[in-house]
Amino acid sequence: MKFTKKIMIAVYTLAALVSGSSVAWAAEAAGDAVKGDGDSIVIAAIFLAAGLAAGLGAIGPGVGQGSATRGACEGMARNPGMSSKLMTTMILGMAIMEALTIYALVIAFMLLFVFLPKFM
């Protein structure tokens, strides 16, 4: 494997670990399992799902935006006369990618503030 591929794997692994930090929040809810409360598993699953939704929902569009920017810069370097058309297309594509990230964040907030209170 190339060195850059190893770095990218390390970055993705670190991002997955950081996005899974909501499991630490669920540790408090795990104490309810001793009391026999069956909702503690659901609470832990909601925290885990919210963390994964926010984390994984940001990784994909982030990589896509970097790739789109690189492609647009390469296109502008090859043909400077097309820079205005390339910039417009790139901005439109980035807005769509950013909307995907916002949708993932909305899902995470819905899990935490709409569905979680029903089990607490």
PDB file of N, CA and C in Angstrom:
ATOM      1  N   MET A   1       0.832  -1.182   0.000  1.00  0.00           N
ATOM      2  CA  MET A   1       0.000   0.000   0.000  1.00  0.00           C
ATOM      3  C   MET A   1       0.877   1.246   0.000  1.00  0.00           C
ATOM      4  N   LYS A   2       0.404   2.250  -0.676  1.00  0.00           N
ATOM      5  CA  LYS A   2       1.133   3.504  -0.668  1.00  0.00           C
ATOM      6  C   LYS A   2       0.981   4.192   0.689  1.00  0.00           C
ATOM      7  N   PHE A   3       1.917   5.084   0.955  1.00  0.00           N
ATOM      8  CA  PHE A   3       1.889   5.806   2.223  1.00  0.00           C
ATOM      9  C   PHE A   3       0.650   6.675   2.340  1.00  0.00           C
ATOM     10  N   THR A   4       0.238   7.325   1.238  1.00  0.00           N
ATOM     11  CA  THR A   4      -0.942   8.193   1.301  1.00  0.00           C
ATOM     12  C   THR A   4      -2.211   7.383   1.551  1.00  0.00           C
ATOM     13  N   LYS A   5      -2.260   6.154   1.036  1.00  0.00           N
ATOM     14  CA  LYS A   5      -3.422   5.314   1.274  1.00  0.00           C
ATOM     15  C   LYS A   5      -3.510   4.943   2.758  1.00  0.00           C
ATOM     16  N   LYS A   6      -2.367   4.697   3.368  1.00  0.00           N
ATOM     17  CA  LYS A   6      -2.345   4.385   4.795  1.00  0.00           C
ATOM     18  C   LYS A   6      -2.810   5.581   5.620  1.00  0.00           C
ATOM     19  N   ILE A   7      -2.417   6.762   5.206  1.00  0.00           N
ATOM     20  CA  ILE A   7      -2.849   7.967   5.922  1.00  0.00           C
ATOM     21  C   ILE A   7      -4.351   8.142   5.793  1.00  0.00           C
ATOM     22  N   MET A   8      -4.899   7.923   4.595  1.00  0.00           N
ATOM     23  CA  MET A   8      -6.343   8.070   4.397  1.00  0.00           C
ATOM     24  C   MET A   8      -7.110   7.042   5.229  1.00  0.00           C
ATOM     25  N   ILE A   9      -6.606   5.826   5.308  1.00  0.00           N
ATOM     26  CA  ILE A   9      -7.260   4.807   6.135  1.00  0.00           C
ATOM     27  C   ILE A   9      -7.233   5.229   7.592  1.00  0.00           C
ATOM     28  N   ALA A  10      -6.114   5.778   8.036  1.00  0.00           N
ATOM     29  CA  ALA A  10      -6.015   6.241   9.416  1.00  0.00           C
ATOM     30  C   ALA A  10      -6.978   7.390   9.685  1.00  0.00           C
ATOM     31  N   VAL A  11      -7.111   8.307   8.732  1.00  0.00           N
ATOM     32  CA  VAL A  11      -8.027   9.443   8.898  1.00  0.00           C
ATOM     33  C   VAL A  11      -9.471   8.958   8.966  1.00  0.00           C
ATOM     34  N   TYR A  12      -9.850   8.029   8.080  1.00  0.00           N
ATOM     35  CA  TYR A  12     -11.218   7.501   8.089  1.00  0.00           C
ATOM     36  C   TYR A  12     -11.506   6.732   9.376  1.00  0.00           C
ATOM     37  N   THR A  13     -10.524   5.977   9.842  1.00  0.00           N
ATOM     38  CA  THR A  13     -10.704   5.245  11.094  1.00  0.00           C
ATOM     39  C   THR A  13     -10.875   6.208  12.259  1.00  0.00           C
ATOM     40  N   LEU A  14     -10.060   7.253  12.294  1.00  0.00           N
ATOM     41  CA  LEU A  14     -10.183   8.252  13.357  1.00  0.00           C
ATOM     42  C   LEU A  14     -11.534   8.949  13.299  1.00  0.00           C
ATOM     43  N   ALA A  15     -12.004   9.260  12.089  1.00  0.00           N
ATOM     44  CA  ALA A  15     -13.314   9.905  11.947  1.00  0.00           C
ATOM     45  C   ALA A  15     -14.425   8.981  12.435  1.00  0.00           C
ATOM     46  N   ALA A  16     -14.303   7.689  12.152  1.00  0.00           N
ATOM     47  CA  ALA A  16     -15.312   6.741  12.624  1.00  0.00           C
ATOM     48  C   ALA A  16     -15.296   6.643  14.140  1.00  0.00           C
ATOM     49  N   LEU A  17     -14.113   6.668  14.736  1.00  0.00           N
ATOM     50  CA  LEU A  17     -14.030   6.600  16.196  1.00  0.00           C
ATOM     51  C   LEU A  17     -14.595   7.860  16.850  1.00  0.00           C
ATOM     52  N   VAL A  18     -14.311   9.014  16.257  1.00  0.00           N
ATOM     53  CA  VAL A  18     -14.820  10.260  16.814  1.00  0.00           C
ATOM     54  C   VAL A  18     -16.337  10.329  16.674  1.00  0.00           C
ATOM     55  N   SER A  19     -16.850   9.861  15.533  1.00  0.00           N
ATOM     56  CA  SER A  19     -18.294   9.910  15.346  1.00  0.00           C
ATOM     57  C   SER A  19     -19.008   8.919  16.253  1.00  0.00           C
ATOM     58  N   GLY A  20     -18.306   7.905  16.717  1.00  0.00           N
ATOM     59  CA  GLY A  20     -18.906   6.933  17.625  1.00  0.00           C
ATOM     60  C   GLY A  20     -18.787   7.321  19.086  1.00  0.00           C
ATOM     61  N   SER A  21     -18.388   8.559  19.365  1.00  0.00           N
ATOM     62  CA  SER A  21     -18.205   8.982  20.749  1.00  0.00           C
ATOM     63  C   SER A  21     -19.511   9.050  21.522  1.00  0.00           C
ATOM     64  N   SER A  22     -20.621   8.978  20.809  1.00  0.00           N
ATOM     65  CA  SER A  22     -21.901   9.015  21.505  1.00  0.00           C
ATOM     66  C   SER A  22     -22.119   7.763  22.341  1.00  0.00           C
ATOM     67  N   VAL A  23     -21.317   6.732  22.093  1.00  0.00           N
ATOM     68  CA  VAL A  23     -21.419   5.529  22.912  1.00  0.00           C
ATOM     69  C   VAL A  23     -21.056   5.857  24.367  1.00  0.00           C
ATOM     70  N   ALA A  24     -20.163   6.819  24.552  1.00  0.00           N
ATOM     71  CA  ALA A  24     -19.803   7.222  25.904  1.00  0.00           C
ATOM     72  C   ALA A  24     -21.004   7.829  26.623  1.00  0.00           C
ATOM     73  N   TRP A  25     -21.843   8.554  25.883  1.00  0.00           N
ATOM     74  CA  TRP A  25     -23.056   9.106  26.487  1.00  0.00           C
ATOM     75  C   TRP A  25     -24.000   7.988  26.870  1.00  0.00           C
ATOM     76  N   ALA A  26     -24.008   6.939  26.086  1.00  0.00           N
ATOM     77  CA  ALA A  26     -24.922   5.831  26.339  1.00  0.00           C
ATOM     78  C   ALA A  26     -24.498   5.023  27.561  1.00  0.00           C
ATOM     79  N   ALA A  27     -23.264   5.200  28.032  1.00  0.00           N
ATOM     80  CA  ALA A  27     -22.796   4.447  29.186  1.00  0.00           C
ATOM     81  C   ALA A  27     -23.627   4.782  30.424  1.00  0.00           C
ATOM     82  N   GLU A  28     -24.067   6.030  30.527  1.00  0.00           N
ATOM     83  CA  GLU A  28     -24.908   6.414  31.651  1.00  0.00           C
ATOM     84  C   GLU A  28     -26.243   5.682  31.586  1.00  0.00           C
ATOM     85  N   ALA A  29     -26.773   5.539  30.390  1.00  0.00           N
ATOM     86  CA  ALA A  29     -28.042   4.845  30.221  1.00  0.00           C
ATOM     87  C   ALA A  29     -27.891   3.351  30.451  1.00  0.00           C
ATOM     88  N   ALA A  30     -26.685   2.834  30.315  1.00  0.00           N
ATOM     89  CA  ALA A  30     -26.472   1.411  30.524  1.00  0.00           C
ATOM     90  C   ALA A  30     -26.685   1.039  31.987  1.00  0.00           C
ATOM     91  N   GLY A  31     -26.559   1.987  32.874  1.00  0.00           N
ATOM     92  CA  GLY A  31     -26.817   1.726  34.282  1.00  0.00           C
ATOM     93  C   GLY A  31     -28.268   1.369  34.543  1.00  0.00           C
ATOM     94  N   ASP A  32     -29.172   1.796  33.662  1.00  0.00           N
ATOM     95  CA  ASP A  32     -30.584   1.469  33.818  1.00  0.00           C
ATOM     96  C   ASP A  32     -30.860  -0.005  33.593  1.00  0.00           C
ATOM     97  N   ALA A  33     -29.969  -0.704  32.894  1.00  0.00           N
ATOM     98  CA  ALA A  33     -30.181  -2.125  32.614  1.00  0.00           C
ATOM     99  C   ALA A  33     -30.133  -2.947  33.891  1.00  0.00           C
ATOM    100  N   VAL A  34     -29.399  -2.454  34.883  1.00  0.00           N
ATOM    101  CA  VAL A  34     -29.321  -3.164  36.155  1.00  0.00           C
ATOM    102  C   VAL A  34     -30.673  -3.124  36.853  1.00  0.00           C
ATOM    103  N   LYS A  35     -31.399  -2.044  36.687  1.00  0.00           N
ATOM    104  CA  LYS A  35     -32.708  -1.907  37.305  1.00  0.00           C
ATOM    105  C   LYS A  35     -33.768  -2.735  36.587  1.00  0.00           C
ATOM    106  N   GLY A  36     -33.430  -3.258  35.402  1.00  0.00           N
ATOM    107  CA  GLY A  36     -34.387  -4.048  34.658  1.00  0.00           C
ATOM    108  C   GLY A  36     -35.186  -3.234  33.661  1.00  0.00           C
ATOM    109  N   ASP A  37     -34.771  -2.015  33.395  1.00  0.00           N
ATOM    110  CA  ASP A  37     -35.464  -1.161  32.445  1.00  0.00           C
ATOM    111  C   ASP A  37     -35.049  -1.567  31.027  1.00  0.00           C
ATOM    112  N   GLY A  38     -35.995  -2.018  30.209  1.00  0.00           N
ATOM    113  CA  GLY A  38     -35.690  -2.479  28.863  1.00  0.00           C
ATOM    114  C   GLY A  38     -35.424  -1.369  27.883  1.00  0.00           C
ATOM    115  N   ASP A  39     -35.706  -0.119  28.250  1.00  0.00           N
ATOM    116  CA  ASP A  39     -35.514   0.997  27.336  1.00  0.00           C
ATOM    117  C   ASP A  39     -34.061   1.444  27.242  1.00  0.00           C
ATOM    118  N   SER A  40     -33.199   0.944  28.111  1.00  0.00           N
ATOM    119  CA  SER A  40     -31.808   1.403  28.092  1.00  0.00           C
ATOM    120  C   SER A  40     -31.108   0.992  26.800  1.00  0.00           C
ATOM    121  N   ILE A  41     -31.460  -0.151  26.229  1.00  0.00           N
ATOM    122  CA  ILE A  41     -30.872  -0.577  24.961  1.00  0.00           C
ATOM    123  C   ILE A  41     -31.327   0.371  23.848  1.00  0.00           C
ATOM    124  N   VAL A  42     -32.579   0.772  23.896  1.00  0.00           N
ATOM    125  CA  VAL A  42     -33.103   1.688  22.873  1.00  0.00           C
ATOM    126  C   VAL A  42     -32.418   3.044  23.000  1.00  0.00           C
ATOM    127  N   ILE A  43     -32.212   3.499  24.205  1.00  0.00           N
ATOM    128  CA  ILE A  43     -31.547   4.787  24.429  1.00  0.00           C
ATOM    129  C   ILE A  43     -30.115   4.731  23.903  1.00  0.00           C
ATOM    130  N   ALA A  44     -29.418   3.647  24.208  1.00  0.00           N
ATOM    131  CA  ALA A  44     -28.049   3.499  23.706  1.00  0.00           C
ATOM    132  C   ALA A  44     -28.036   3.449  22.183  1.00  0.00           C
ATOM    133  N   ALA A  45     -29.000   2.765  21.589  1.00  0.00           N
ATOM    134  CA  ALA A  45     -29.068   2.675  20.129  1.00  0.00           C
ATOM    135  C   ALA A  45     -29.356   4.039  19.502  1.00  0.00           C
ATOM    136  N   ILE A  46     -30.176   4.848  20.163  1.00  0.00           N
ATOM    137  CA  ILE A  46     -30.472   6.182  19.641  1.00  0.00           C
ATOM    138  C   ILE A  46     -29.218   7.050  19.665  1.00  0.00           C
ATOM    139  N   PHE A  47     -28.461   6.997  20.760  1.00  0.00           N
ATOM    140  CA  PHE A  47     -27.218   7.770  20.826  1.00  0.00           C
ATOM    141  C   PHE A  47     -26.226   7.300  19.777  1.00  0.00           C
ATOM    142  N   LEU A  48     -26.098   5.999  19.607  1.00  0.00           N
ATOM    143  CA  LEU A  48     -25.182   5.458  18.614  1.00  0.00           C
ATOM    144  C   LEU A  48     -25.615   5.852  17.206  1.00  0.00           C
ATOM    145  N   ALA A  49     -26.894   5.766  16.920  1.00  0.00           N
ATOM    146  CA  ALA A  49     -27.397   6.126  15.596  1.00  0.00           C
ATOM    147  C   ALA A  49     -27.203   7.611  15.312  1.00  0.00           C
ATOM    148  N   ALA A  50     -27.406   8.455  16.323  1.00  0.00           N
ATOM    149  CA  ALA A  50     -27.208   9.898  16.122  1.00  0.00           C
ATOM    150  C   ALA A  50     -25.742  10.206  15.830  1.00  0.00           C
ATOM    151  N   GLY A  51     -24.845   9.556  16.554  1.00  0.00           N
ATOM    152  CA  GLY A  51     -23.412   9.763  16.301  1.00  0.00           C
ATOM    153  C   GLY A  51     -22.997   9.286  14.925  1.00  0.00           C
ATOM    154  N   LEU A  52     -23.489   8.123  14.533  1.00  0.00           N
ATOM    155  CA  LEU A  52     -23.157   7.603  13.213  1.00  0.00           C
ATOM    156  C   LEU A  52     -23.772   8.447  12.100  1.00  0.00           C
ATOM    157  N   ALA A  53     -24.984   8.928  12.305  1.00  0.00           N
ATOM    158  CA  ALA A  53     -25.635   9.759  11.284  1.00  0.00           C
ATOM    159  C   ALA A  53     -24.844  11.042  11.061  1.00  0.00           C
ATOM    160  N   ALA A  54     -24.422  11.681  12.141  1.00  0.00           N
ATOM    161  CA  ALA A  54     -23.672  12.928  11.995  1.00  0.00           C
ATOM    162  C   ALA A  54     -22.281  12.675  11.429  1.00  0.00           C
ATOM    163  N   GLY A  55     -21.619  11.624  11.911  1.00  0.00           N
ATOM    164  CA  GLY A  55     -20.251  11.345  11.468  1.00  0.00           C
ATOM    165  C   GLY A  55     -20.179  10.861  10.033  1.00  0.00           C
ATOM    166  N   LEU A  56     -20.935   9.837   9.709  1.00  0.00           N
ATOM    167  CA  LEU A  56     -20.892   9.298   8.353  1.00  0.00           C
ATOM    168  C   LEU A  56     -21.554  10.230   7.349  1.00  0.00           C
ATOM    169  N   GLY A  57     -22.519  11.016   7.823  1.00  0.00           N
ATOM    170  CA  GLY A  57     -23.163  11.980   6.936  1.00  0.00           C
ATOM    171  C   GLY A  57     -22.247  13.130   6.557  1.00  0.00           C
ATOM    172  N   ALA A  58     -21.173  13.330   7.297  1.00  0.00           N
ATOM    173  CA  ALA A  58     -20.226  14.400   6.982  1.00  0.00           C
ATOM    174  C   ALA A  58     -19.025  13.895   6.187  1.00  0.00           C
ATOM    175  N   ILE A  59     -18.694  12.605   6.327  1.00  0.00           N
ATOM    176  CA  ILE A  59     -17.505  12.082   5.650  1.00  0.00           C
ATOM    177  C   ILE A  59     -17.706  12.050   4.138  1.00  0.00           C
ATOM    178  N   GLY A  60     -18.831  11.489   3.686  1.00  0.00           N
ATOM    179  CA  GLY A  60     -19.058  11.344   2.253  1.00  0.00           C
ATOM    180  C   GLY A  60     -19.072  12.670   1.502  1.00  0.00           C
ATOM    181  N   PRO A  61     -19.918  13.616   1.905  1.00  0.00           N
ATOM    182  CA  PRO A  61     -19.902  14.904   1.213  1.00  0.00           C
ATOM    183  C   PRO A  61     -18.573  15.652   1.358  1.00  0.00           C
ATOM    184  N   GLY A  62     -17.878  15.445   2.461  1.00  0.00           N
ATOM    185  CA  GLY A  62     -16.573  16.099   2.624  1.00  0.00           C
ATOM    186  C   GLY A  62     -15.569  15.617   1.595  1.00  0.00           C
ATOM    187  N   VAL A  63     -15.538  14.301   1.384  1.00  0.00           N
ATOM    188  CA  VAL A  63     -14.649  13.738   0.369  1.00  0.00           C
ATOM    189  C   VAL A  63     -15.097  14.193  -1.020  1.00  0.00           C
ATOM    190  N   GLY A  64     -16.404  14.215  -1.250  1.00  0.00           N
ATOM    191  CA  GLY A  64     -16.921  14.652  -2.544  1.00  0.00           C
ATOM    192  C   GLY A  64     -16.602  16.106  -2.841  1.00  0.00           C
ATOM    193  N   GLN A  65     -16.695  16.955  -1.836  1.00  0.00           N
ATOM    194  CA  GLN A  65     -16.387  18.368  -2.046  1.00  0.00           C
ATOM    195  C   GLN A  65     -14.905  18.565  -2.359  1.00  0.00           C
ATOM    196  N   GLY A  66     -14.057  17.806  -1.687  1.00  0.00           N
ATOM    197  CA  GLY A  66     -12.627  17.893  -1.991  1.00  0.00           C
ATOM    198  C   GLY A  66     -12.328  17.444  -3.405  1.00  0.00           C
ATOM    199  N   SER A  67     -12.973  16.372  -3.823  1.00  0.00           N
ATOM    200  CA  SER A  67     -12.776  15.870  -5.182  1.00  0.00           C
ATOM    201  C   SER A  67     -13.311  16.861  -6.220  1.00  0.00           C
ATOM    202  N   ALA A  68     -14.462  17.453  -5.949  1.00  0.00           N
ATOM    203  CA  ALA A  68     -15.029  18.430  -6.879  1.00  0.00           C
ATOM    204  C   ALA A  68     -14.140  19.668  -6.995  1.00  0.00           C
ATOM    205  N   THR A  69     -13.620  20.124  -5.883  1.00  0.00           N
ATOM    206  CA  THR A  69     -12.742  21.294  -5.904  1.00  0.00           C
ATOM    207  C   THR A  69     -11.464  21.005  -6.674  1.00  0.00           C
ATOM    208  N   ARG A  70     -10.904  19.816  -6.436  1.00  0.00           N
ATOM    209  CA  ARG A  70      -9.688  19.433  -7.161  1.00  0.00           C
ATOM    210  C   ARG A  70      -9.956  19.396  -8.666  1.00  0.00           C
ATOM    211  N   GLY A  71     -11.074  18.772  -9.057  1.00  0.00           N
ATOM    212  CA  GLY A  71     -11.399  18.685 -10.480  1.00  0.00           C
ATOM    213  C   GLY A  71     -11.622  20.051 -11.111  1.00  0.00           C
ATOM    214  N   ALA A  72     -12.299  20.932 -10.384  1.00  0.00           N
ATOM    215  CA  ALA A  72     -12.538  22.275 -10.917  1.00  0.00           C
ATOM    216  C   ALA A  72     -11.237  23.058 -11.046  1.00  0.00           C
ATOM    217  N   CYS A  73     -10.356  22.933 -10.066  1.00  0.00           N
ATOM    218  CA  CYS A  73      -9.069  23.642 -10.146  1.00  0.00           C
ATOM    219  C   CYS A  73      -8.222  23.120 -11.296  1.00  0.00           C
ATOM    220  N   GLU A  74      -8.239  21.795 -11.506  1.00  0.00           N
ATOM    221  CA  GLU A  74      -7.496  21.235 -12.631  1.00  0.00           C
ATOM    222  C   GLU A  74      -8.083  21.712 -13.956  1.00  0.00           C
ATOM    223  N   GLY A  75      -9.413  21.762 -14.033  1.00  0.00           N
ATOM    224  CA  GLY A  75     -10.052  22.246 -15.258  1.00  0.00           C
ATOM    225  C   GLY A  75      -9.755  23.705 -15.525  1.00  0.00           C
ATOM    226  N   MET A  76      -9.728  24.515 -14.476  1.00  0.00           N
ATOM    227  CA  MET A  76      -9.426  25.940 -14.642  1.00  0.00           C
ATOM    228  C   MET A  76      -7.963  26.140 -15.040  1.00  0.00           C
ATOM    229  N   ALA A  77      -7.098  25.268 -14.537  1.00  0.00           N
ATOM    230  CA  ALA A  77      -5.683  25.391 -14.887  1.00  0.00           C
ATOM    231  C   ALA A  77      -5.463  25.017 -16.353  1.00  0.00           C
ATOM    232  N   ARG A  78      -6.218  24.051 -16.845  1.00  0.00           N
ATOM    233  CA  ARG A  78      -6.059  23.631 -18.241  1.00  0.00           C
ATOM    234  C   ARG A  78      -6.693  24.619 -19.217  1.00  0.00           C
ATOM    235  N   ASN A  79      -7.839  25.174 -18.829  1.00  0.00           N
ATOM    236  CA  ASN A  79      -8.553  26.076 -19.733  1.00  0.00           C
ATOM    237  C   ASN A  79      -9.113  27.247 -18.923  1.00  0.00           C
ATOM    238  N   PRO A  80      -8.338  28.323 -18.758  1.00  0.00           N
ATOM    239  CA  PRO A  80      -8.791  29.449 -17.944  1.00  0.00           C
ATOM    240  C   PRO A  80     -10.056  30.138 -18.473  1.00  0.00           C
ATOM    241  N   GLY A  81     -10.345  29.997 -19.737  1.00  0.00           N
ATOM    242  CA  GLY A  81     -11.536  30.622 -20.300  1.00  0.00           C
ATOM    243  C   GLY A  81     -12.831  29.998 -19.803  1.00  0.00           C
ATOM    244  N   MET A  82     -12.768  28.769 -19.321  1.00  0.00           N
ATOM    245  CA  MET A  82     -13.951  28.062 -18.824  1.00  0.00           C
ATOM    246  C   MET A  82     -14.136  28.231 -17.313  1.00  0.00           C
ATOM    247  N   SER A  83     -13.324  29.068 -16.697  1.00  0.00           N
ATOM    248  CA  SER A  83     -13.340  29.142 -15.236  1.00  0.00           C
ATOM    249  C   SER A  83     -14.695  29.580 -14.676  1.00  0.00           C
ATOM    250  N   SER A  84     -15.393  30.495 -15.347  1.00  0.00           N
ATOM    251  CA  SER A  84     -16.679  30.948 -14.805  1.00  0.00           C
ATOM    252  C   SER A  84     -17.725  29.834 -14.860  1.00  0.00           C
ATOM    253  N   LYS A  85     -17.764  29.062 -15.951  1.00  0.00           N
ATOM    254  CA  LYS A  85     -18.712  27.954 -16.051  1.00  0.00           C
ATOM    255  C   LYS A  85     -18.365  26.840 -15.060  1.00  0.00           C
ATOM    256  N   LEU A  86     -17.071  26.558 -14.938  1.00  0.00           N
ATOM    257  CA  LEU A  86     -16.651  25.526 -13.986  1.00  0.00           C
ATOM    258  C   LEU A  86     -16.971  25.935 -12.555  1.00  0.00           C
ATOM    259  N   MET A  87     -16.752  27.197 -12.230  1.00  0.00           N
ATOM    260  CA  MET A  87     -17.017  27.677 -10.873  1.00  0.00           C
ATOM    261  C   MET A  87     -18.502  27.583 -10.551  1.00  0.00           C
ATOM    262  N   THR A  88     -19.349  27.959 -11.503  1.00  0.00           N
ATOM    263  CA  THR A  88     -20.797  27.899 -11.277  1.00  0.00           C
ATOM    264  C   THR A  88     -21.255  26.464 -11.050  1.00  0.00           C
ATOM    265  N   THR A  89     -20.772  25.559 -11.885  1.00  0.00           N
ATOM    266  CA  THR A  89     -21.142  24.153 -11.744  1.00  0.00           C
ATOM    267  C   THR A  89     -20.615  23.581 -10.429  1.00  0.00           C
ATOM    268  N   MET A  90     -19.384  23.952 -10.064  1.00  0.00           N
ATOM    269  CA  MET A  90     -18.810  23.453  -8.821  1.00  0.00           C
ATOM    270  C   MET A  90     -19.602  23.953  -7.607  1.00  0.00           C
ATOM    271  N   ILE A  91     -19.970  25.220  -7.590  1.00  0.00           N
ATOM    272  CA  ILE A  91     -20.727  25.779  -6.468  1.00  0.00           C
ATOM    273  C   ILE A  91     -22.081  25.098  -6.348  1.00  0.00           C
ATOM    274  N   LEU A  92     -22.752  24.845  -7.468  1.00  0.00           N
ATOM    275  CA  LEU A  92     -24.042  24.158  -7.447  1.00  0.00           C
ATOM    276  C   LEU A  92     -23.893  22.737  -6.906  1.00  0.00           C
ATOM    277  N   GLY A  93     -22.876  22.036  -7.364  1.00  0.00           N
ATOM    278  CA  GLY A  93     -22.629  20.686  -6.864  1.00  0.00           C
ATOM    279  C   GLY A  93     -22.307  20.663  -5.385  1.00  0.00           C
ATOM    280  N   MET A  94     -21.533  21.629  -4.927  1.00  0.00           N
ATOM    281  CA  MET A  94     -21.194  21.691  -3.501  1.00  0.00           C
ATOM    282  C   MET A  94     -22.415  22.006  -2.650  1.00  0.00           C
ATOM    283  N   ALA A  95     -23.311  22.830  -3.174  1.00  0.00           N
ATOM    284  CA  ALA A  95     -24.532  23.133  -2.425  1.00  0.00           C
ATOM    285  C   ALA A  95     -25.374  21.871  -2.248  1.00  0.00           C
ATOM    286  N   ILE A  96     -25.448  21.056  -3.287  1.00  0.00           N
ATOM    287  CA  ILE A  96     -26.196  19.806  -3.181  1.00  0.00           C
ATOM    288  C   ILE A  96     -25.526  18.859  -2.195  1.00  0.00           C
ATOM    289  N   MET A  97     -24.187  18.779  -2.245  1.00  0.00           N
ATOM    290  CA  MET A  97     -23.469  17.915  -1.292  1.00  0.00           C
ATOM    291  C   MET A  97     -23.643  18.409   0.144  1.00  0.00           C
ATOM    292  N   GLU A  98     -23.631  19.712   0.314  1.00  0.00           N
ATOM    293  CA  GLU A  98     -23.802  20.268   1.655  1.00  0.00           C
ATOM    294  C   GLU A  98     -25.209  19.996   2.179  1.00  0.00           C
ATOM    295  N   ALA A  99     -26.187  19.959   1.289  1.00  0.00           N
ATOM    296  CA  ALA A  99     -27.553  19.633   1.700  1.00  0.00           C
ATOM    297  C   ALA A  99     -27.624  18.218   2.268  1.00  0.00           C
ATOM    298  N   LEU A 100     -26.853  17.295   1.696  1.00  0.00           N
ATOM    299  CA  LEU A 100     -26.821  15.932   2.232  1.00  0.00           C
ATOM    300  C   LEU A 100     -26.285  15.924   3.661  1.00  0.00           C
ATOM    301  N   THR A 101     -25.270  16.726   3.925  1.00  0.00           N
ATOM    302  CA  THR A 101     -24.722  16.813   5.275  1.00  0.00           C
ATOM    303  C   THR A 101     -25.754  17.394   6.238  1.00  0.00           C
ATOM    304  N   ILE A 102     -26.480  18.395   5.796  1.00  0.00           N
ATOM    305  CA  ILE A 102     -27.496  19.014   6.646  1.00  0.00           C
ATOM    306  C   ILE A 102     -28.629  18.035   6.923  1.00  0.00           C
ATOM    307  N   TYR A 103     -29.002  17.225   5.921  1.00  0.00           N
ATOM    308  CA  TYR A 103     -30.031  16.205   6.151  1.00  0.00           C
ATOM    309  C   TYR A 103     -29.588  15.214   7.217  1.00  0.00           C
ATOM    310  N   ALA A 104     -28.330  14.796   7.168  1.00  0.00           N
ATOM    311  CA  ALA A 104     -27.812  13.864   8.182  1.00  0.00           C
ATOM    312  C   ALA A 104     -27.826  14.511   9.564  1.00  0.00           C
ATOM    313  N   LEU A 105     -27.503  15.801   9.635  1.00  0.00           N
ATOM    314  CA  LEU A 105     -27.528  16.503  10.915  1.00  0.00           C
ATOM    315  C   LEU A 105     -28.958  16.631  11.443  1.00  0.00           C
ATOM    316  N   VAL A 106     -29.908  16.868  10.554  1.00  0.00           N
ATOM    317  CA  VAL A 106     -31.319  16.946  10.953  1.00  0.00           C
ATOM    318  C   VAL A 106     -31.789  15.602  11.506  1.00  0.00           C
ATOM    319  N   ILE A 107     -31.388  14.510  10.864  1.00  0.00           N
ATOM    320  CA  ILE A 107     -31.748  13.176  11.353  1.00  0.00           C
ATOM    321  C   ILE A 107     -31.159  12.954  12.739  1.00  0.00           C
ATOM    322  N   ALA A 108     -29.892  13.348  12.935  1.00  0.00           N
ATOM    323  CA  ALA A 108     -29.267  13.186  14.249  1.00  0.00           C
ATOM    324  C   ALA A 108     -30.007  14.004  15.310  1.00  0.00           C
ATOM    325  N   PHE A 109     -30.373  15.242  14.979  1.00  0.00           N
ATOM    326  CA  PHE A 109     -31.116  16.063  15.938  1.00  0.00           C
ATOM    327  C   PHE A 109     -32.497  15.499  16.220  1.00  0.00           C
ATOM    328  N   MET A 110     -33.140  14.949  15.193  1.00  0.00           N
ATOM    329  CA  MET A 110     -34.450  14.326  15.414  1.00  0.00           C
ATOM    330  C   MET A 110     -34.334  13.132  16.356  1.00  0.00           C
ATOM    331  N   LEU A 111     -33.289  12.347  16.165  1.00  0.00           N
ATOM    332  CA  LEU A 111     -33.090  11.198  17.058  1.00  0.00           C
ATOM    333  C   LEU A 111     -32.901  11.655  18.499  1.00  0.00           C
ATOM    334  N   LEU A 112     -32.125  12.715  18.679  1.00  0.00           N
ATOM    335  CA  LEU A 112     -31.801  13.160  20.036  1.00  0.00           C
ATOM    336  C   LEU A 112     -32.920  13.951  20.705  1.00  0.00           C
ATOM    337  N   PHE A 113     -33.632  14.772  19.941  1.00  0.00           N
ATOM    338  CA  PHE A 113     -34.582  15.679  20.567  1.00  0.00           C
ATOM    339  C   PHE A 113     -36.051  15.328  20.336  1.00  0.00           C
ATOM    340  N   VAL A 114     -36.336  14.392  19.442  1.00  0.00           N
ATOM    341  CA  VAL A 114     -37.726  13.984  19.218  1.00  0.00           C
ATOM    342  C   VAL A 114     -37.963  12.579  19.746  1.00  0.00           C
ATOM    343  N   PHE A 115     -37.097  11.632  19.338  1.00  0.00           N
ATOM    344  CA  PHE A 115     -37.331  10.239  19.717  1.00  0.00           C
ATOM    345  C   PHE A 115     -36.762   9.898  21.096  1.00  0.00           C
ATOM    346  N   LEU A 116     -35.639  10.469  21.471  1.00  0.00           N
ATOM    347  CA  LEU A 116     -35.022  10.135  22.767  1.00  0.00           C
ATOM    348  C   LEU A 116     -35.886  10.485  23.957  1.00  0.00           C
ATOM    349  N   PRO A 117     -36.536  11.664  24.014  1.00  0.00           N
ATOM    350  CA  PRO A 117     -37.367  11.984  25.186  1.00  0.00           C
ATOM    351  C   PRO A 117     -38.513  11.001  25.416  1.00  0.00           C
ATOM    352  N   LYS A 118     -38.944  10.283  24.394  1.00  0.00           N
ATOM    353  CA  LYS A 118     -40.016   9.310  24.575  1.00  0.00           C
ATOM    354  C   LYS A 118     -39.571   8.118  25.414  1.00  0.00           C
ATOM    355  N   PHE A 119     -38.264   7.880  25.485  1.00  0.00           N
ATOM    356  CA  PHE A 119     -37.752   6.736  26.235  1.00  0.00           C
ATOM    357  C   PHE A 119     -37.093   7.126  27.545  1.00  0.00           C
ATOM    358  N   MET A 120     -37.064   8.403  27.875  1.00  0.00           N
ATOM    359  CA  MET A 120     -36.410   8.840  29.113  1.00  0.00           C
ATOM    360  C   MET A 120     -37.427   9.227  30.150  1.00  0.00           C
TER     361      MET A 120
END
